[in-house]
Amino acid sequence: MTHSADSYRLYRMNALTGAIVDFEDFAAWSDDEAIATALPQAGSRRIELWCGPRKILAVSGRGGPGELSFGPTGG
């Protein structure tokens, strides 16, 4: 049985209010690969990375409350 790439969604949010500014859907072979794609996008905006109902990563943006969290990974 072959494993197909999973679908991930990266949300970019206002660092202070948490309002979603935009999002991007992409495919990755593992949570680690998806995190490596998402982390460089952290900056002035808060980012959250999701795979279906699982929150994989949350990083606060500059000027927002400090946060770096990783959810349980499944891949």
Foldseek 3Di string as FASTA:
>chain_A
DDQDWFKKKKFWAQLAPRHTPDMDIDTDRFLVRVCVVRVVVAEQTWMWMDGVPDTAWTAHYPPHPGDTDGTDTDD
